[in-house]
Amino acid sequence: GGAAGIGEIFNLIFMLALIIGLILFVVWLVRQAGGANRILGGIAGPAAGGETALDILKTRYARGEIDLAEYEEKKRELTR
């Protein structure tokens, strides 16, 4: 009886440690991949091509898609 109970407790502790370790590993991988911004498509983080939102804004201004006033307004919003 008693030895089997102790073994079950250690087995439970080992399984919990394994699950917690796996969760921590996944969180670490997400952070290494660029964090939630990249995974969830956040505006301030790098885009799939490695461009930041500010890089995209500069490109849009250079192409003439937006005027100077809109560029400066959006730049202020992004650099807050």
PDB file of N, CA and C in Angstrom:
ATOM      1  N   GLY A   1       0.657  -1.191   0.000  1.00  0.00           N
ATOM      2  CA  GLY A   1       0.000   0.000   0.000  1.00  0.00           C
ATOM      3  C   GLY A   1       0.709   1.286   0.000  1.00  0.00           C
ATOM      4  N   GLY A   2       1.556   1.579   0.997  1.00  0.00           N
ATOM      5  CA  GLY A   2       2.111   2.923   1.142  1.00  0.00           C
ATOM      6  C   GLY A   2       3.079   3.302   0.043  1.00  0.00           C
ATOM      7  N   ALA A   3       3.891   2.355  -0.412  1.00  0.00           N
ATOM      8  CA  ALA A   3       4.879   2.656  -1.445  1.00  0.00           C
ATOM      9  C   ALA A   3       4.200   2.965  -2.774  1.00  0.00           C
ATOM     10  N   ALA A   4       3.115   2.284  -3.067  1.00  0.00           N
ATOM     11  CA  ALA A   4       2.397   2.532  -4.318  1.00  0.00           C
ATOM     12  C   ALA A   4       1.787   3.930  -4.310  1.00  0.00           C
ATOM     13  N   GLY A   5       1.292   4.384  -3.180  1.00  0.00           N
ATOM     14  CA  GLY A   5       0.714   5.728  -3.073  1.00  0.00           C
ATOM     15  C   GLY A   5       1.742   6.819  -3.291  1.00  0.00           C
ATOM     16  N   ILE A   6       2.935   6.612  -2.745  1.00  0.00           N
ATOM     17  CA  ILE A   6       4.019   7.584  -2.920  1.00  0.00           C
ATOM     18  C   ILE A   6       4.437   7.637  -4.388  1.00  0.00           C
ATOM     19  N   GLY A   7       4.484   6.479  -5.021  1.00  0.00           N
ATOM     20  CA  GLY A   7       4.831   6.432  -6.440  1.00  0.00           C
ATOM     21  C   GLY A   7       3.821   7.178  -7.300  1.00  0.00           C
ATOM     22  N   GLU A   8       2.560   7.055  -6.973  1.00  0.00           N
ATOM     23  CA  GLU A   8       1.523   7.770  -7.718  1.00  0.00           C
ATOM     24  C   GLU A   8       1.646   9.273  -7.541  1.00  0.00           C
ATOM     25  N   ILE A   9       1.993   9.693  -6.324  1.00  0.00           N
ATOM     26  CA  ILE A   9       2.172  11.126  -6.071  1.00  0.00           C
ATOM     27  C   ILE A   9       3.341  11.664  -6.882  1.00  0.00           C
ATOM     28  N   PHE A  10       4.469  10.939  -6.902  1.00  0.00           N
ATOM     29  CA  PHE A  10       5.615  11.377  -7.688  1.00  0.00           C
ATOM     30  C   PHE A  10       5.290  11.382  -9.181  1.00  0.00           C
ATOM     31  N   ASN A  11       4.509  10.403  -9.632  1.00  0.00           N
ATOM     32  CA  ASN A  11       4.100  10.359 -11.029  1.00  0.00           C
ATOM     33  C   ASN A  11       3.247  11.587 -11.369  1.00  0.00           C
ATOM     34  N   LEU A  12       2.316  11.964 -10.486  1.00  0.00           N
ATOM     35  CA  LEU A  12       1.480  13.137 -10.696  1.00  0.00           C
ATOM     36  C   LEU A  12       2.326  14.405 -10.736  1.00  0.00           C
ATOM     37  N   ILE A  13       3.259  14.530  -9.817  1.00  0.00           N
ATOM     38  CA  ILE A  13       4.141  15.698  -9.793  1.00  0.00           C
ATOM     39  C   ILE A  13       4.965  15.771 -11.068  1.00  0.00           C
ATOM     40  N   PHE A  14       5.479  14.641 -11.517  1.00  0.00           N
ATOM     41  CA  PHE A  14       6.272  14.599 -12.743  1.00  0.00           C
ATOM     42  C   PHE A  14       5.430  15.031 -13.949  1.00  0.00           C
ATOM     43  N   MET A  15       4.201  14.545 -14.047  1.00  0.00           N
ATOM     44  CA  MET A  15       3.336  14.896 -15.174  1.00  0.00           C
ATOM     45  C   MET A  15       2.990  16.384 -15.149  1.00  0.00           C
ATOM     46  N   LEU A  16       2.700  16.932 -13.971  1.00  0.00           N
ATOM     47  CA  LEU A  16       2.415  18.360 -13.867  1.00  0.00           C
ATOM     48  C   LEU A  16       3.630  19.199 -14.265  1.00  0.00           C
ATOM     49  N   ALA A  17       4.809  18.790 -13.826  1.00  0.00           N
ATOM     50  CA  ALA A  17       6.028  19.503 -14.189  1.00  0.00           C
ATOM     51  C   ALA A  17       6.259  19.438 -15.697  1.00  0.00           C
ATOM     52  N   LEU A  18       5.984  18.295 -16.294  1.00  0.00           N
ATOM     53  CA  LEU A  18       6.137  18.132 -17.735  1.00  0.00           C
ATOM     54  C   LEU A  18       5.173  19.048 -18.490  1.00  0.00           C
ATOM     55  N   ILE A  19       3.935  19.108 -18.065  1.00  0.00           N
ATOM     56  CA  ILE A  19       2.938  19.963 -18.723  1.00  0.00           C
ATOM     57  C   ILE A  19       3.303  21.439 -18.564  1.00  0.00           C
ATOM     58  N   ILE A  20       3.698  21.849 -17.366  1.00  0.00           N
ATOM     59  CA  ILE A  20       4.099  23.237 -17.135  1.00  0.00           C
ATOM     60  C   ILE A  20       5.325  23.577 -17.970  1.00  0.00           C
ATOM     61  N   GLY A  21       6.275  22.672 -18.030  1.00  0.00           N
ATOM     62  CA  GLY A  21       7.461  22.884 -18.855  1.00  0.00           C
ATOM     63  C   GLY A  21       7.118  23.043 -20.327  1.00  0.00           C
ATOM     64  N   LEU A  22       6.181  22.250 -20.812  1.00  0.00           N
ATOM     65  CA  LEU A  22       5.754  22.347 -22.206  1.00  0.00           C
ATOM     66  C   LEU A  22       5.083  23.689 -22.474  1.00  0.00           C
ATOM     67  N   ILE A  23       4.248  24.134 -21.566  1.00  0.00           N
ATOM     68  CA  ILE A  23       3.590  25.437 -21.719  1.00  0.00           C
ATOM     69  C   ILE A  23       4.617  26.566 -21.736  1.00  0.00           C
ATOM     70  N   LEU A  24       5.574  26.515 -20.828  1.00  0.00           N
ATOM     71  CA  LEU A  24       6.617  27.535 -20.787  1.00  0.00           C
ATOM     72  C   LEU A  24       7.448  27.522 -22.066  1.00  0.00           C
ATOM     73  N   PHE A  25       7.713  26.349 -22.607  1.00  0.00           N
ATOM     74  CA  PHE A  25       8.467  26.235 -23.855  1.00  0.00           C
ATOM     75  C   PHE A  25       7.703  26.879 -25.008  1.00  0.00           C
ATOM     76  N   VAL A  26       6.404  26.643 -25.086  1.00  0.00           N
ATOM     77  CA  VAL A  26       5.588  27.238 -26.146  1.00  0.00           C
ATOM     78  C   VAL A  26       5.567  28.763 -26.007  1.00  0.00           C
ATOM     79  N   VAL A  27       5.429  29.271 -24.792  1.00  0.00           N
ATOM     80  CA  VAL A  27       5.451  30.718 -24.566  1.00  0.00           C
ATOM     81  C   VAL A  27       6.793  31.286 -25.011  1.00  0.00           C
ATOM     82  N   TRP A  28       7.876  30.621 -24.706  1.00  0.00           N
ATOM     83  CA  TRP A  28       9.201  31.075 -25.108  1.00  0.00           C
ATOM     84  C   TRP A  28       9.319  31.093 -26.633  1.00  0.00           C
ATOM     85  N   LEU A  29       8.798  30.049 -27.292  1.00  0.00           N
ATOM     86  CA  LEU A  29       8.844  30.002 -28.754  1.00  0.00           C
ATOM     87  C   LEU A  29       8.065  31.160 -29.369  1.00  0.00           C
ATOM     88  N   VAL A  30       6.906  31.463 -28.810  1.00  0.00           N
ATOM     89  CA  VAL A  30       6.089  32.570 -29.324  1.00  0.00           C
ATOM     90  C   VAL A  30       6.849  33.876 -29.193  1.00  0.00           C
ATOM     91  N   ARG A  31       7.483  34.080 -28.067  1.00  0.00           N
ATOM     92  CA  ARG A  31       8.248  35.315 -27.865  1.00  0.00           C
ATOM     93  C   ARG A  31       9.442  35.389 -28.807  1.00  0.00           C
ATOM     94  N   GLN A  32      10.099  34.269 -29.055  1.00  0.00           N
ATOM     95  CA  GLN A  32      11.235  34.260 -29.967  1.00  0.00           C
ATOM     96  C   GLN A  32      10.802  34.513 -31.409  1.00  0.00           C
ATOM     97  N   ALA A  33       9.591  34.118 -31.742  1.00  0.00           N
ATOM     98  CA  ALA A  33       9.079  34.280 -33.102  1.00  0.00           C
ATOM     99  C   ALA A  33       8.621  35.708 -33.368  1.00  0.00           C
ATOM    100  N   GLY A  34       8.692  36.583 -32.407  1.00  0.00           N
ATOM    101  CA  GLY A  34       8.296  37.960 -32.625  1.00  0.00           C
ATOM    102  C   GLY A  34       7.172  38.406 -31.733  1.00  0.00           C
ATOM    103  N   GLY A  35       6.787  37.572 -30.825  1.00  0.00           N
ATOM    104  CA  GLY A  35       5.774  37.952 -29.862  1.00  0.00           C
ATOM    105  C   GLY A  35       4.372  37.947 -30.421  1.00  0.00           C
ATOM    106  N   ALA A  36       3.474  38.398 -29.598  1.00  0.00           N
ATOM    107  CA  ALA A  36       2.057  38.393 -29.958  1.00  0.00           C
ATOM    108  C   ALA A  36       1.779  39.326 -31.117  1.00  0.00           C
ATOM    109  N   ASN A  37       2.513  40.440 -31.224  1.00  0.00           N
ATOM    110  CA  ASN A  37       2.278  41.359 -32.329  1.00  0.00           C
ATOM    111  C   ASN A  37       2.411  40.655 -33.667  1.00  0.00           C
ATOM    112  N   ARG A  38       3.453  39.885 -33.815  1.00  0.00           N
ATOM    113  CA  ARG A  38       3.683  39.225 -35.096  1.00  0.00           C
ATOM    114  C   ARG A  38       2.675  38.108 -35.323  1.00  0.00           C
ATOM    115  N   ILE A  39       2.398  37.347 -34.299  1.00  0.00           N
ATOM    116  CA  ILE A  39       1.480  36.222 -34.440  1.00  0.00           C
ATOM    117  C   ILE A  39       0.050  36.709 -34.625  1.00  0.00           C
ATOM    118  N   LEU A  40      -0.347  37.732 -33.878  1.00  0.00           N
ATOM    119  CA  LEU A  40      -1.708  38.229 -33.957  1.00  0.00           C
ATOM    120  C   LEU A  40      -1.863  39.368 -34.958  1.00  0.00           C
ATOM    121  N   GLY A  41      -0.773  39.752 -35.630  1.00  0.00           N
ATOM    122  CA  GLY A  41      -0.856  40.798 -36.640  1.00  0.00           C
ATOM    123  C   GLY A  41      -0.946  42.191 -36.067  1.00  0.00           C
ATOM    124  N   GLY A  42      -0.243  42.440 -34.962  1.00  0.00           N
ATOM    125  CA  GLY A  42      -0.276  43.763 -34.340  1.00  0.00           C
ATOM    126  C   GLY A  42       0.283  44.831 -35.260  1.00  0.00           C
ATOM    127  N   ILE A  43      -0.190  46.052 -35.091  1.00  0.00           N
ATOM    128  CA  ILE A  43       0.186  47.133 -36.001  1.00  0.00           C
ATOM    129  C   ILE A  43       1.611  47.617 -35.773  1.00  0.00           C
ATOM    130  N   ALA A  44       2.103  47.582 -34.547  1.00  0.00           N
ATOM    131  CA  ALA A  44       3.411  48.152 -34.257  1.00  0.00           C
ATOM    132  C   ALA A  44       4.548  47.165 -34.491  1.00  0.00           C
ATOM    133  N   GLY A  45       4.267  45.891 -34.476  1.00  0.00           N
ATOM    134  CA  GLY A  45       5.317  44.894 -34.633  1.00  0.00           C
ATOM    135  C   GLY A  45       5.698  44.692 -36.082  1.00  0.00           C
ATOM    136  N   PRO A  46       6.799  43.986 -36.300  1.00  0.00           N
ATOM    137  CA  PRO A  46       7.215  43.718 -37.666  1.00  0.00           C
ATOM    138  C   PRO A  46       6.169  42.910 -38.420  1.00  0.00           C
ATOM    139  N   ALA A  47       5.969  43.247 -39.651  1.00  0.00           N
ATOM    140  CA  ALA A  47       5.045  42.491 -40.498  1.00  0.00           C
ATOM    141  C   ALA A  47       5.742  41.230 -40.971  1.00  0.00           C
ATOM    142  N   ALA A  48       5.048  40.429 -41.744  1.00  0.00           N
ATOM    143  CA  ALA A  48       5.599  39.156 -42.198  1.00  0.00           C
ATOM    144  C   ALA A  48       6.897  39.348 -42.966  1.00  0.00           C
ATOM    145  N   GLY A  49       7.034  40.451 -43.692  1.00  0.00           N
ATOM    146  CA  GLY A  49       8.245  40.713 -44.458  1.00  0.00           C
ATOM    147  C   GLY A  49       9.334  41.372 -43.639  1.00  0.00           C
ATOM    148  N   GLY A  50       9.130  41.556 -42.356  1.00  0.00           N
ATOM    149  CA  GLY A  50      10.121  42.187 -41.493  1.00  0.00           C
ATOM    150  C   GLY A  50       9.959  43.695 -41.413  1.00  0.00           C
ATOM    151  N   GLU A  51       8.957  44.249 -42.103  1.00  0.00           N
ATOM    152  CA  GLU A  51       8.732  45.683 -42.077  1.00  0.00           C
ATOM    153  C   GLU A  51       7.910  46.072 -40.855  1.00  0.00           C
ATOM    154  N   THR A  52       8.243  47.205 -40.282  1.00  0.00           N
ATOM    155  CA  THR A  52       7.427  47.727 -39.194  1.00  0.00           C
ATOM    156  C   THR A  52       6.311  48.573 -39.787  1.00  0.00           C
ATOM    157  N   ALA A  53       5.368  48.950 -38.964  1.00  0.00           N
ATOM    158  CA  ALA A  53       4.275  49.802 -39.427  1.00  0.00           C
ATOM    159  C   ALA A  53       4.815  51.143 -39.937  1.00  0.00           C
ATOM    160  N   LEU A  54       5.862  51.631 -39.304  1.00  0.00           N
ATOM    161  CA  LEU A  54       6.462  52.896 -39.730  1.00  0.00           C
ATOM    162  C   LEU A  54       7.106  52.747 -41.108  1.00  0.00           C
ATOM    163  N   ASP A  55       7.744  51.609 -41.373  1.00  0.00           N
ATOM    164  CA  ASP A  55       8.320  51.350 -42.693  1.00  0.00           C
ATOM    165  C   ASP A  55       7.236  51.346 -43.770  1.00  0.00           C
ATOM    166  N   ILE A  56       6.123  50.712 -43.462  1.00  0.00           N
ATOM    167  CA  ILE A  56       5.009  50.651 -44.412  1.00  0.00           C
ATOM    168  C   ILE A  56       4.450  52.043 -44.652  1.00  0.00           C
ATOM    169  N   LEU A  57       4.340  52.835 -43.581  1.00  0.00           N
ATOM    170  CA  LEU A  57       3.842  54.199 -43.708  1.00  0.00           C
ATOM    171  C   LEU A  57       4.763  55.022 -44.608  1.00  0.00           C
ATOM    172  N   LYS A  58       6.065  54.902 -44.417  1.00  0.00           N
ATOM    173  CA  LYS A  58       7.025  55.631 -45.254  1.00  0.00           C
ATOM    174  C   LYS A  58       6.893  55.224 -46.714  1.00  0.00           C
ATOM    175  N   THR A  59       6.716  53.932 -46.945  1.00  0.00           N
ATOM    176  CA  THR A  59       6.560  53.437 -48.313  1.00  0.00           C
ATOM    177  C   THR A  59       5.289  53.996 -48.952  1.00  0.00           C
ATOM    178  N   ARG A  60       4.204  54.015 -48.199  1.00  0.00           N
ATOM    179  CA  ARG A  60       2.942  54.545 -48.731  1.00  0.00           C
ATOM    180  C   ARG A  60       3.081  56.031 -49.064  1.00  0.00           C
ATOM    181  N   TYR A  61       3.799  56.772 -48.237  1.00  0.00           N
ATOM    182  CA  TYR A  61       4.008  58.193 -48.509  1.00  0.00           C
ATOM    183  C   TYR A  61       4.883  58.363 -49.752  1.00  0.00           C
ATOM    184  N   ALA A  62       5.923  57.553 -49.847  1.00  0.00           N
ATOM    185  CA  ALA A  62       6.822  57.638 -51.003  1.00  0.00           C
ATOM    186  C   ALA A  62       6.091  57.301 -52.303  1.00  0.00           C
ATOM    187  N   ARG A  63       5.140  56.407 -52.250  1.00  0.00           N
ATOM    188  CA  ARG A  63       4.369  56.038 -53.443  1.00  0.00           C
ATOM    189  C   ARG A  63       3.307  57.071 -53.790  1.00  0.00           C
ATOM    190  N   GLY A  64       3.046  57.988 -52.873  1.00  0.00           N
ATOM    191  CA  GLY A  64       2.022  58.999 -53.113  1.00  0.00           C
ATOM    192  C   GLY A  64       0.629  58.544 -52.727  1.00  0.00           C
ATOM    193  N   GLU A  65       0.534  57.443 -51.988  1.00  0.00           N
ATOM    194  CA  GLU A  65      -0.776  56.936 -51.569  1.00  0.00           C
ATOM    195  C   GLU A  65      -1.407  57.814 -50.496  1.00  0.00           C
ATOM    196  N   ILE A  66      -0.583  58.489 -49.712  1.00  0.00           N
ATOM    197  CA  ILE A  66      -1.070  59.391 -48.668  1.00  0.00           C
ATOM    198  C   ILE A  66      -0.324  60.711 -48.781  1.00  0.00           C
ATOM    199  N   ASP A  67      -0.938  61.793 -48.306  1.00  0.00           N
ATOM    200  CA  ASP A  67      -0.285  63.098 -48.362  1.00  0.00           C
ATOM    201  C   ASP A  67       0.543  63.323 -47.093  1.00  0.00           C
ATOM    202  N   LEU A  68       1.241  64.462 -47.071  1.00  0.00           N
ATOM    203  CA  LEU A  68       2.140  64.758 -45.954  1.00  0.00           C
ATOM    204  C   LEU A  68       1.387  64.878 -44.632  1.00  0.00           C
ATOM    205  N   ALA A  69       0.235  65.500 -44.637  1.00  0.00           N
ATOM    206  CA  ALA A  69      -0.534  65.674 -43.394  1.00  0.00           C
ATOM    207  C   ALA A  69      -0.930  64.319 -42.810  1.00  0.00           C
ATOM    208  N   GLU A  70      -1.418  63.405 -43.660  1.00  0.00           N
ATOM    209  CA  GLU A  70      -1.814  62.081 -43.179  1.00  0.00           C
ATOM    210  C   GLU A  70      -0.593  61.294 -42.703  1.00  0.00           C
ATOM    211  N   TYR A  71       0.521  61.432 -43.444  1.00  0.00           N
ATOM    212  CA  TYR A  71       1.763  60.762 -43.044  1.00  0.00           C
ATOM    213  C   TYR A  71       2.197  61.206 -41.652  1.00  0.00           C
ATOM    214  N   GLU A  72       2.239  62.531 -41.431  1.00  0.00           N
ATOM    215  CA  GLU A  72       2.688  63.047 -40.133  1.00  0.00           C
ATOM    216  C   GLU A  72       1.740  62.653 -39.010  1.00  0.00           C
ATOM    217  N   GLU A  73       0.435  62.661 -39.281  1.00  0.00           N
ATOM    218  CA  GLU A  73      -0.542  62.274 -38.261  1.00  0.00           C
ATOM    219  C   GLU A  73      -0.360  60.807 -37.863  1.00  0.00           C
ATOM    220  N   LYS A  74      -0.236  59.950 -38.840  1.00  0.00           N
ATOM    221  CA  LYS A  74      -0.082  58.522 -38.554  1.00  0.00           C
ATOM    222  C   LYS A  74       1.273  58.231 -37.906  1.00  0.00           C
ATOM    223  N   LYS A  75       2.285  58.960 -38.308  1.00  0.00           N
ATOM    224  CA  LYS A  75       3.607  58.783 -37.707  1.00  0.00           C
ATOM    225  C   LYS A  75       3.564  59.141 -36.220  1.00  0.00           C
ATOM    226  N   ARG A  76       2.869  60.232 -35.878  1.00  0.00           N
ATOM    227  CA  ARG A  76       2.724  60.625 -34.462  1.00  0.00           C
ATOM    228  C   ARG A  76       2.002  59.515 -33.685  1.00  0.00           C
ATOM    229  N   GLU A  77       0.959  58.934 -34.276  1.00  0.00           N
ATOM    230  CA  GLU A  77       0.228  57.876 -33.613  1.00  0.00           C
ATOM    231  C   GLU A  77       1.095  56.649 -33.375  1.00  0.00           C
ATOM    232  N   LEU A  78       1.915  56.324 -34.360  1.00  0.00           N
ATOM    233  CA  LEU A  78       2.746  55.122 -34.253  1.00  0.00           C
ATOM    234  C   LEU A  78       3.922  55.279 -33.296  1.00  0.00           C
ATOM    235  N   THR A  79       4.400  56.502 -33.141  1.00  0.00           N
ATOM    236  CA  THR A  79       5.598  56.714 -32.314  1.00  0.00           C
ATOM    237  C   THR A  79       5.283  57.180 -30.895  1.00  0.00           C
ATOM    238  N   ARG A  80       4.014  57.076 -30.517  1.00  0.00           N
ATOM    239  CA  ARG A  80       3.642  57.447 -29.143  1.00  0.00           C
ATOM    240  C   ARG A  80       4.255  56.514 -28.160  1.00  0.00           C
TER     241      ARG A  80
END
